[in-house]
């Protein structure tokens, strides 16, 4: 993959994650209440849903910020994939089939970027850390 393509994909998926986190952080409690309500009839106990509902927007924000800046790109891509896998499982638990395509697309972009991590030359990683 050429470096420009990698950069554009990294920025796009990073903007998606950053945007998800940014809009949820100011209304964290309302987001948590919505998520708890969504999972009220699932087999997941509220004791798991509540902490996850507060951690998710923070994780989305941090992962997005890291990807947009290109700092710790590889760990951010792995973390993003893991977050999406948990979201996929959660969507299945509440039979929210409409959410799955978006979540699967995110995982696809994360894994494609991981596959071509050596193309991540336009990133803070390269300027300061000299790592991929």
N, C-alpha and C. Protein backbone atom coordinates (compact mmCIF):
# COMPACT_ATOMS: atom_id res chain seq x y z
N UNK A 1 0.86 -1.17 0.00
CA UNK A 1 0.00 0.00 0.00
C UNK A 1 0.90 1.23 0.00
N UNK A 2 0.56 2.22 -0.81
CA UNK A 2 1.39 3.43 -0.79
C UNK A 2 1.07 4.25 0.45
N UNK A 3 1.99 5.11 0.80
CA UNK A 3 1.87 5.86 2.06
C UNK A 3 0.68 6.82 2.08
N UNK A 4 0.34 7.38 0.93
CA UNK A 4 -0.81 8.29 0.88
C UNK A 4 -2.11 7.55 1.14
N UNK A 5 -2.25 6.37 0.55
CA UNK A 5 -3.45 5.55 0.77
C UNK A 5 -3.55 5.15 2.24
N UNK A 6 -2.43 4.74 2.81
CA UNK A 6 -2.43 4.35 4.22
C UNK A 6 -2.86 5.54 5.09
N UNK A 7 -2.29 6.69 4.81
CA UNK A 7 -2.62 7.89 5.58
C UNK A 7 -4.11 8.20 5.49
N UNK A 8 -4.67 8.16 4.30
CA UNK A 8 -6.08 8.48 4.13
C UNK A 8 -6.98 7.48 4.87
N UNK A 9 -6.65 6.20 4.78
CA UNK A 9 -7.43 5.20 5.52
C UNK A 9 -7.28 5.38 7.02
N UNK A 10 -6.06 5.63 7.47
CA UNK A 10 -5.83 5.83 8.91
C UNK A 10 -6.59 7.04 9.41
N UNK A 11 -6.57 8.13 8.65
CA UNK A 11 -7.30 9.33 9.05
C UNK A 11 -8.81 9.10 9.06
N UNK A 12 -9.30 8.36 8.08
CA UNK A 12 -10.75 8.11 8.00
C UNK A 12 -11.24 7.28 9.17
N UNK A 13 -10.56 6.18 9.47
CA UNK A 13 -11.01 5.33 10.57
C UNK A 13 -10.76 6.03 11.91
N UNK A 14 -9.68 6.80 11.97
CA UNK A 14 -9.41 7.57 13.18
C UNK A 14 -10.47 8.64 13.41
N UNK A 15 -10.89 9.31 12.36
CA UNK A 15 -11.93 10.34 12.48
C UNK A 15 -13.25 9.72 12.93
N UNK A 16 -13.54 8.53 12.44
CA UNK A 16 -14.77 7.84 12.85
C UNK A 16 -14.74 7.55 14.35
N UNK A 17 -13.65 6.98 14.80
CA UNK A 17 -13.54 6.65 16.23
C UNK A 17 -13.52 7.91 17.08
N UNK A 18 -12.75 8.90 16.66
CA UNK A 18 -12.67 10.17 17.40
C UNK A 18 -14.03 10.82 17.48
N UNK A 19 -14.75 10.84 16.36
CA UNK A 19 -16.08 11.44 16.33
C UNK A 19 -17.06 10.73 17.24
N UNK A 20 -17.02 9.40 17.24
CA UNK A 20 -17.90 8.64 18.14
C UNK A 20 -17.63 9.02 19.59
N UNK A 21 -16.35 9.08 19.95
CA UNK A 21 -16.00 9.44 21.32
C UNK A 21 -16.36 10.88 21.66
N UNK A 22 -16.07 11.80 20.74
CA UNK A 22 -16.31 13.22 20.99
C UNK A 22 -17.78 13.53 21.27
N UNK A 23 -18.68 12.93 20.51
CA UNK A 23 -20.09 13.25 20.71
C UNK A 23 -20.67 12.58 21.95
N UNK A 24 -20.03 11.49 22.39
CA UNK A 24 -20.56 10.77 23.55
C UNK A 24 -19.99 11.27 24.88
N UNK A 25 -18.77 11.78 24.87
CA UNK A 25 -18.15 12.20 26.13
C UNK A 25 -18.93 13.29 26.87
N UNK A 26 -19.42 14.32 26.19
CA UNK A 26 -20.17 15.36 26.93
C UNK A 26 -21.48 14.86 27.52
N UNK A 27 -22.01 13.79 26.98
CA UNK A 27 -23.28 13.23 27.49
C UNK A 27 -23.07 11.79 27.95
N UNK A 28 -22.00 11.58 28.68
CA UNK A 28 -21.59 10.24 29.09
C UNK A 28 -22.67 9.52 29.89
N UNK A 29 -23.28 10.21 30.82
CA UNK A 29 -24.30 9.56 31.65
C UNK A 29 -25.53 9.20 30.81
N UNK A 30 -25.95 10.08 29.93
CA UNK A 30 -27.10 9.78 29.07
C UNK A 30 -26.77 8.61 28.14
N UNK A 31 -25.54 8.58 27.60
CA UNK A 31 -25.13 7.46 26.75
C UNK A 31 -25.17 6.16 27.55
N UNK A 32 -24.67 6.20 28.78
CA UNK A 32 -24.67 5.00 29.62
C UNK A 32 -26.10 4.52 29.88
N UNK A 33 -26.99 5.43 30.19
CA UNK A 33 -28.39 5.05 30.43
C UNK A 33 -29.00 4.42 29.18
N UNK A 34 -28.70 5.00 28.01
CA UNK A 34 -29.22 4.44 26.76
C UNK A 34 -28.69 3.02 26.55
N UNK A 35 -27.39 2.83 26.77
CA UNK A 35 -26.80 1.51 26.55
C UNK A 35 -27.35 0.50 27.54
N UNK A 36 -27.48 0.87 28.79
CA UNK A 36 -28.03 -0.04 29.80
C UNK A 36 -29.46 -0.42 29.42
N UNK A 37 -30.23 0.54 28.95
CA UNK A 37 -31.59 0.25 28.50
C UNK A 37 -31.60 -0.70 27.31
N UNK A 38 -30.68 -0.49 26.39
CA UNK A 38 -30.60 -1.34 25.20
C UNK A 38 -30.29 -2.79 25.55
N UNK A 39 -29.51 -2.99 26.61
CA UNK A 39 -29.10 -4.33 27.01
C UNK A 39 -29.94 -4.92 28.14
N UNK A 40 -31.03 -4.24 28.49
CA UNK A 40 -31.82 -4.68 29.65
C UNK A 40 -32.42 -6.07 29.45
N UNK A 41 -32.71 -6.46 28.22
CA UNK A 41 -33.31 -7.78 27.98
C UNK A 41 -32.27 -8.80 27.47
N UNK A 42 -31.01 -8.43 27.49
CA UNK A 42 -29.96 -9.36 27.05
C UNK A 42 -29.52 -10.21 28.24
N UNK A 43 -28.68 -11.20 27.94
CA UNK A 43 -28.17 -12.05 29.02
C UNK A 43 -27.00 -11.40 29.77
N UNK A 44 -26.53 -10.26 29.27
CA UNK A 44 -25.41 -9.58 29.93
C UNK A 44 -25.90 -8.90 31.21
N UNK A 45 -25.19 -9.11 32.30
CA UNK A 45 -25.60 -8.45 33.55
C UNK A 45 -25.30 -6.96 33.50
N UNK A 46 -26.14 -6.21 34.15
CA UNK A 46 -25.98 -4.75 34.21
C UNK A 46 -24.62 -4.38 34.80
N UNK A 47 -24.10 -5.23 35.68
CA UNK A 47 -22.79 -4.99 36.30
C UNK A 47 -21.66 -4.95 35.27
N UNK A 48 -21.85 -5.57 34.10
CA UNK A 48 -20.87 -5.50 33.01
C UNK A 48 -21.18 -4.35 32.05
N UNK A 49 -22.46 -4.13 31.81
CA UNK A 49 -22.87 -3.12 30.83
C UNK A 49 -22.55 -1.71 31.31
N UNK A 50 -22.80 -1.43 32.56
CA UNK A 50 -22.59 -0.07 33.07
C UNK A 50 -21.12 0.37 32.94
N UNK A 51 -20.15 -0.40 33.44
CA UNK A 51 -18.76 0.06 33.29
C UNK A 51 -18.34 0.17 31.82
N UNK A 52 -18.77 -0.79 31.00
CA UNK A 52 -18.42 -0.73 29.58
C UNK A 52 -19.00 0.51 28.92
N UNK A 53 -20.20 0.89 29.32
CA UNK A 53 -20.84 2.06 28.70
C UNK A 53 -20.10 3.36 29.03
N UNK A 54 -19.38 3.38 30.13
CA UNK A 54 -18.58 4.56 30.47
C UNK A 54 -17.18 4.50 29.85
N UNK A 55 -16.65 3.30 29.68
CA UNK A 55 -15.32 3.13 29.11
C UNK A 55 -15.32 3.30 27.59
N UNK A 56 -16.39 2.84 26.93
CA UNK A 56 -16.44 2.85 25.47
C UNK A 56 -16.17 4.22 24.85
N UNK A 57 -16.87 5.28 25.25
CA UNK A 57 -16.59 6.58 24.61
C UNK A 57 -15.16 7.07 24.84
N UNK A 58 -14.61 6.77 25.99
CA UNK A 58 -13.23 7.16 26.28
C UNK A 58 -12.28 6.39 25.38
N UNK A 59 -12.53 5.08 25.25
CA UNK A 59 -11.70 4.25 24.37
C UNK A 59 -11.80 4.72 22.93
N UNK A 60 -13.01 5.01 22.46
CA UNK A 60 -13.21 5.48 21.09
C UNK A 60 -12.43 6.79 20.87
N UNK A 61 -12.53 7.69 21.82
CA UNK A 61 -11.84 8.98 21.71
C UNK A 61 -10.33 8.80 21.65
N UNK A 62 -9.79 8.01 22.57
CA UNK A 62 -8.33 7.81 22.63
C UNK A 62 -7.82 7.10 21.38
N UNK A 63 -8.51 6.03 20.98
CA UNK A 63 -8.11 5.29 19.78
C UNK A 63 -8.16 6.21 18.57
N UNK A 64 -9.22 6.98 18.45
CA UNK A 64 -9.35 7.92 17.33
C UNK A 64 -8.25 8.96 17.33
N UNK A 65 -7.96 9.53 18.49
CA UNK A 65 -6.91 10.55 18.59
C UNK A 65 -5.55 9.97 18.22
N UNK A 66 -5.26 8.78 18.68
CA UNK A 66 -3.99 8.14 18.35
C UNK A 66 -3.88 7.87 16.85
N UNK A 67 -4.97 7.43 16.24
CA UNK A 67 -4.93 7.14 14.81
C UNK A 67 -4.83 8.41 13.97
N UNK A 68 -5.53 9.44 14.36
CA UNK A 68 -5.46 10.70 13.60
C UNK A 68 -4.06 11.29 13.67
N UNK A 69 -3.44 11.19 14.82
CA UNK A 69 -2.09 11.74 14.96
C UNK A 69 -1.02 10.77 14.46
N UNK A 70 -1.36 9.49 14.40
CA UNK A 70 -0.37 8.50 13.99
C UNK A 70 0.59 8.15 15.11
N UNK A 71 0.13 8.28 16.34
CA UNK A 71 0.94 7.95 17.51
C UNK A 71 0.51 6.59 18.04
N UNK A 72 1.46 5.70 18.28
CA UNK A 72 1.16 4.33 18.72
C UNK A 72 0.13 3.68 17.78
N UNK A 73 0.37 3.82 16.49
CA UNK A 73 -0.59 3.38 15.48
C UNK A 73 -0.93 1.90 15.60
N UNK A 74 0.07 1.06 15.69
CA UNK A 74 -0.20 -0.39 15.72
C UNK A 74 -1.02 -0.77 16.95
N UNK A 75 -0.64 -0.36 18.16
CA UNK A 75 -1.48 -0.69 19.32
C UNK A 75 -2.90 -0.10 19.21
N UNK A 76 -3.01 1.08 18.63
CA UNK A 76 -4.33 1.70 18.47
C UNK A 76 -5.19 0.89 17.51
N UNK A 77 -4.58 0.36 16.45
CA UNK A 77 -5.33 -0.46 15.50
C UNK A 77 -5.79 -1.77 16.15
N UNK A 78 -4.93 -2.37 16.95
CA UNK A 78 -5.30 -3.60 17.66
C UNK A 78 -6.42 -3.30 18.66
N UNK A 79 -6.27 -2.21 19.41
CA UNK A 79 -7.29 -1.83 20.39
C UNK A 79 -8.62 -1.54 19.70
N UNK A 80 -8.57 -0.84 18.59
CA UNK A 80 -9.80 -0.55 17.84
C UNK A 80 -10.48 -1.82 17.38
N UNK A 81 -9.70 -2.77 16.91
CA UNK A 81 -10.27 -4.06 16.48
C UNK A 81 -10.93 -4.78 17.65
N UNK A 82 -10.26 -4.78 18.79
CA UNK A 82 -10.83 -5.46 19.97
C UNK A 82 -12.11 -4.79 20.44
N UNK A 83 -12.14 -3.46 20.43
CA UNK A 83 -13.36 -2.73 20.79
C UNK A 83 -14.49 -3.12 19.84
N UNK A 84 -14.20 -3.17 18.56
CA UNK A 84 -15.23 -3.53 17.58
C UNK A 84 -15.71 -4.96 17.76
N UNK A 85 -14.81 -5.87 18.08
CA UNK A 85 -15.21 -7.26 18.30
C UNK A 85 -16.16 -7.36 19.49
N UNK A 86 -15.88 -6.62 20.55
CA UNK A 86 -16.78 -6.60 21.70
C UNK A 86 -18.13 -5.99 21.30
N UNK A 87 -18.09 -4.92 20.49
CA UNK A 87 -19.34 -4.31 20.04
C UNK A 87 -20.14 -5.26 19.14
N UNK A 88 -19.45 -6.01 18.31
CA UNK A 88 -20.13 -7.00 17.46
C UNK A 88 -20.84 -8.03 18.33
N UNK A 89 -20.14 -8.54 19.32
CA UNK A 89 -20.75 -9.51 20.23
C UNK A 89 -21.96 -8.90 20.93
N UNK A 90 -21.81 -7.68 21.39
CA UNK A 90 -22.93 -7.00 22.06
C UNK A 90 -24.11 -6.79 21.13
N UNK A 91 -23.84 -6.40 19.89
CA UNK A 91 -24.93 -6.22 18.92
C UNK A 91 -25.67 -7.52 18.67
N UNK A 92 -24.93 -8.62 18.63
CA UNK A 92 -25.56 -9.92 18.45
C UNK A 92 -26.42 -10.29 19.67
N UNK A 93 -25.94 -9.95 20.85
CA UNK A 93 -26.68 -10.27 22.08
C UNK A 93 -28.04 -9.60 22.13
N UNK A 94 -28.14 -8.40 21.54
CA UNK A 94 -29.43 -7.69 21.56
C UNK A 94 -30.11 -7.72 20.19
N UNK A 95 -29.58 -8.55 19.31
CA UNK A 95 -30.12 -8.72 17.96
C UNK A 95 -30.23 -7.41 17.20
N UNK A 96 -29.21 -6.57 17.35
CA UNK A 96 -29.14 -5.30 16.62
C UNK A 96 -28.36 -5.54 15.34
N UNK A 97 -28.98 -6.23 14.42
CA UNK A 97 -28.31 -6.64 13.19
C UNK A 97 -27.94 -5.46 12.31
N UNK A 98 -28.64 -4.35 12.46
CA UNK A 98 -28.35 -3.17 11.64
C UNK A 98 -26.97 -2.56 11.96
N UNK A 99 -26.50 -2.75 13.17
CA UNK A 99 -25.20 -2.18 13.57
C UNK A 99 -24.02 -3.01 13.06
N UNK A 100 -24.25 -4.27 12.76
CA UNK A 100 -23.15 -5.17 12.40
C UNK A 100 -22.36 -4.73 11.16
N UNK A 101 -22.99 -4.31 10.07
CA UNK A 101 -22.17 -3.93 8.91
C UNK A 101 -21.16 -2.83 9.21
N UNK A 102 -21.57 -1.82 9.92
CA UNK A 102 -20.65 -0.73 10.28
C UNK A 102 -19.51 -1.23 11.15
N UNK A 103 -19.83 -2.07 12.10
CA UNK A 103 -18.80 -2.60 12.99
C UNK A 103 -17.83 -3.51 12.24
N UNK A 104 -18.35 -4.33 11.34
CA UNK A 104 -17.50 -5.21 10.54
C UNK A 104 -16.61 -4.40 9.59
N UNK A 105 -17.15 -3.33 9.04
CA UNK A 105 -16.35 -2.46 8.16
C UNK A 105 -15.21 -1.83 8.95
N UNK A 106 -15.49 -1.40 10.17
CA UNK A 106 -14.42 -0.84 11.01
C UNK A 106 -13.32 -1.88 11.23
N UNK A 107 -13.70 -3.11 11.57
CA UNK A 107 -12.71 -4.16 11.78
C UNK A 107 -11.91 -4.41 10.50
N UNK A 108 -12.58 -4.40 9.37
CA UNK A 108 -11.88 -4.60 8.09
C UNK A 108 -10.84 -3.52 7.88
N UNK A 109 -11.19 -2.27 8.12
CA UNK A 109 -10.22 -1.18 7.95
C UNK A 109 -9.06 -1.31 8.94
N UNK A 110 -9.38 -1.63 10.20
CA UNK A 110 -8.31 -1.81 11.19
C UNK A 110 -7.34 -2.90 10.74
N UNK A 111 -7.87 -4.03 10.28
CA UNK A 111 -7.00 -5.15 9.90
C UNK A 111 -6.23 -4.89 8.61
N UNK A 112 -6.85 -4.18 7.68
CA UNK A 112 -6.12 -3.81 6.46
C UNK A 112 -4.95 -2.89 6.83
N UNK A 113 -5.20 -1.93 7.69
CA UNK A 113 -4.12 -1.03 8.12
C UNK A 113 -3.04 -1.80 8.88
N UNK A 114 -3.43 -2.75 9.70
CA UNK A 114 -2.43 -3.58 10.39
C UNK A 114 -1.59 -4.36 9.39
N UNK A 115 -2.23 -4.89 8.37
CA UNK A 115 -1.51 -5.66 7.35
C UNK A 115 -0.45 -4.82 6.66
N UNK A 116 -0.74 -3.54 6.48
CA UNK A 116 0.17 -2.65 5.74
C UNK A 116 0.83 -1.62 6.66
N UNK A 117 1.05 -1.97 7.91
CA UNK A 117 1.59 -1.03 8.90
C UNK A 117 2.92 -0.43 8.46
N UNK A 118 3.68 -1.13 7.63
CA UNK A 118 4.95 -0.58 7.16
C UNK A 118 4.77 0.63 6.24
N UNK A 119 3.56 0.86 5.78
CA UNK A 119 3.26 2.04 4.95
C UNK A 119 2.91 3.26 5.80
N UNK A 120 2.99 3.12 7.10
CA UNK A 120 2.64 4.20 8.03
C UNK A 120 3.84 5.15 8.22
N UNK A 121 4.22 5.80 7.15
CA UNK A 121 5.40 6.67 7.23
C UNK A 121 5.04 8.11 7.54
N UNK A 122 3.81 8.52 7.29
CA UNK A 122 3.38 9.89 7.57
C UNK A 122 2.64 9.91 8.90
N UNK A 123 3.41 9.74 10.00
CA UNK A 123 2.82 9.59 11.32
C UNK A 123 3.79 10.09 12.38
N UNK A 124 3.25 10.47 13.51
CA UNK A 124 4.07 10.87 14.65
C UNK A 124 4.98 9.72 15.06
N UNK A 125 4.50 8.48 14.90
CA UNK A 125 5.34 7.31 15.20
C UNK A 125 6.71 7.45 14.53
N UNK A 126 6.73 7.84 13.30
CA UNK A 126 7.97 7.93 12.53
C UNK A 126 8.83 9.12 12.97
N UNK A 127 8.19 10.20 13.36
CA UNK A 127 8.94 11.39 13.74
C UNK A 127 9.64 11.26 15.10
N UNK A 128 8.95 10.70 16.07
CA UNK A 128 9.47 10.69 17.42
C UNK A 128 9.88 9.33 17.92
N UNK A 129 9.18 8.31 17.52
CA UNK A 129 9.40 7.00 18.11
C UNK A 129 10.17 6.04 17.21
N UNK A 130 10.23 6.35 15.93
CA UNK A 130 10.91 5.48 14.96
C UNK A 130 10.43 4.04 15.08
N UNK A 131 9.10 3.88 15.15
CA UNK A 131 8.52 2.54 15.26
C UNK A 131 7.32 2.45 14.35
N UNK A 132 6.87 1.22 14.12
CA UNK A 132 5.63 0.93 13.41
C UNK A 132 4.71 0.17 14.30
